[in-house]
């Protein structure tokens, strides 16, 4: 069983509501036949940062959710999460990766 991690630690009271809203939006979009949903600027940046680190580290992690503010949740084994987190932290601090 995998472990879940977030790109920004700290819980908010609205997290569960945001997940439900995002899930409903995705469900509605799928039912309506919409092929893509436009990401916010911060979601796009998070998407790029996640996939850049995934390619760079070779970490086998799964992106579970991206919130409108750019916070994202991903899962994988502890080893894979540590590799991914190191890359994401380095990118956040501006040193560009591993």
Protein backbone atom coordinates (compact mmCIF):
# COMPACT_ATOMS: atom_id res chain seq x y z
CA UNK A 1 0.00 0.00 0.00
CA UNK A 2 1.35 3.41 -0.94
CA UNK A 3 1.78 6.48 1.18
CA UNK A 4 0.28 9.82 0.23
CA UNK A 5 2.12 13.11 0.41
CA UNK A 6 1.35 16.71 -0.42
CA UNK A 7 3.49 19.38 -1.97
CA UNK A 8 2.75 21.79 0.88
CA UNK A 9 2.36 20.45 4.42
CA UNK A 10 -0.46 21.71 6.58
CA UNK A 11 -4.14 20.94 6.71
CA UNK A 12 -6.95 23.34 5.97
CA UNK A 13 -10.54 23.09 7.05
CA UNK A 14 -11.75 23.34 3.47
CA UNK A 15 -9.61 20.52 2.08
CA UNK A 16 -12.36 17.89 2.10
CA UNK A 17 -14.83 20.31 0.52
CA UNK A 18 -12.30 21.22 -2.18
CA UNK A 19 -11.74 17.54 -2.99
CA UNK A 20 -15.47 16.91 -3.28
CA UNK A 21 -15.93 19.99 -5.47
CA UNK A 22 -13.03 18.98 -7.72
CA UNK A 23 -14.33 15.43 -7.99
CA UNK A 24 -17.81 16.64 -8.90
CA UNK A 25 -16.36 19.01 -11.49
CA UNK A 26 -14.35 16.22 -13.09
CA UNK A 27 -17.36 13.90 -13.05
CA UNK A 28 -19.57 16.55 -14.63
CA UNK A 29 -16.95 17.30 -17.27
CA UNK A 30 -16.64 13.61 -18.10
CA UNK A 31 -20.39 13.17 -18.36
CA UNK A 32 -20.68 16.24 -20.57
CA UNK A 33 -18.08 14.87 -22.96
CA UNK A 34 -15.53 17.61 -22.29
CA UNK A 35 -12.14 16.29 -23.30
CA UNK A 36 -10.04 18.69 -21.27
CA UNK A 37 -10.37 21.08 -18.38
CA UNK A 38 -8.32 24.24 -18.36
CA UNK A 39 -5.97 24.46 -15.40
CA UNK A 40 -5.41 27.63 -13.38
CA UNK A 41 -1.96 29.18 -13.71
CA UNK A 42 -0.84 27.69 -10.42
CA UNK A 43 -2.27 24.27 -11.31
CA UNK A 44 -0.33 24.37 -14.58
CA UNK A 45 2.89 25.27 -12.76
CA UNK A 46 2.31 22.47 -10.26
CA UNK A 47 1.59 20.00 -13.10
CA UNK A 48 4.84 20.96 -14.84
CA UNK A 49 6.90 20.86 -11.62
CA UNK A 50 5.49 17.43 -10.69
CA UNK A 51 6.14 15.89 -14.10
CA UNK A 52 9.59 17.49 -14.44
CA UNK A 53 10.62 15.95 -11.11
CA UNK A 54 9.00 12.64 -12.02
CA UNK A 55 11.06 12.49 -15.23
CA UNK A 56 14.23 13.74 -13.54
CA UNK A 57 14.13 11.28 -10.63
CA UNK A 58 12.41 8.36 -12.32
CA UNK A 59 10.19 8.20 -9.22
CA UNK A 60 7.17 5.96 -9.62
CA UNK A 61 4.59 8.17 -7.95
CA UNK A 62 1.02 8.99 -8.91
CA UNK A 63 -0.43 12.48 -9.03
CA UNK A 64 -3.76 12.26 -7.20
CA UNK A 65 -5.03 15.84 -7.11
CA UNK A 66 -4.11 19.43 -7.99
CA UNK A 67 -5.96 22.18 -6.16
CA UNK A 68 -6.66 25.55 -7.85
CA UNK A 69 -3.98 27.24 -5.73
CA UNK A 70 -1.29 24.83 -6.97
CA UNK A 71 -1.13 22.49 -3.98
CA UNK A 72 -1.03 18.86 -5.06
CA UNK A 73 -1.26 15.39 -3.57
CA UNK A 74 0.70 12.40 -4.82
CA UNK A 75 1.27 8.85 -3.66
CA UNK A 76 3.85 6.10 -3.90
CA UNK A 77 6.24 4.06 -1.77
CA UNK A 78 8.19 5.81 0.98
CA UNK A 79 11.42 5.54 -1.05
CA UNK A 80 9.81 7.00 -4.18
CA UNK A 81 8.14 9.79 -2.18
CA UNK A 82 11.48 10.76 -0.62
CA UNK A 83 13.11 11.02 -4.05
CA UNK A 84 10.22 13.08 -5.39
CA UNK A 85 10.05 15.36 -2.36
CA UNK A 86 13.78 16.13 -2.57
CA UNK A 87 13.38 17.24 -6.18
CA UNK A 88 10.22 19.28 -5.50
CA UNK A 89 11.84 20.98 -2.49
CA UNK A 90 14.92 21.84 -4.55
CA UNK A 91 12.77 23.36 -7.28
CA UNK A 92 10.77 25.34 -4.74
CA UNK A 93 13.97 26.77 -3.21
CA UNK A 94 15.28 27.67 -6.67
CA UNK A 95 18.21 25.27 -6.96
CA UNK A 96 16.62 23.51 -9.92
CA UNK A 97 16.42 19.83 -8.99
CA UNK A 98 18.58 17.10 -7.52
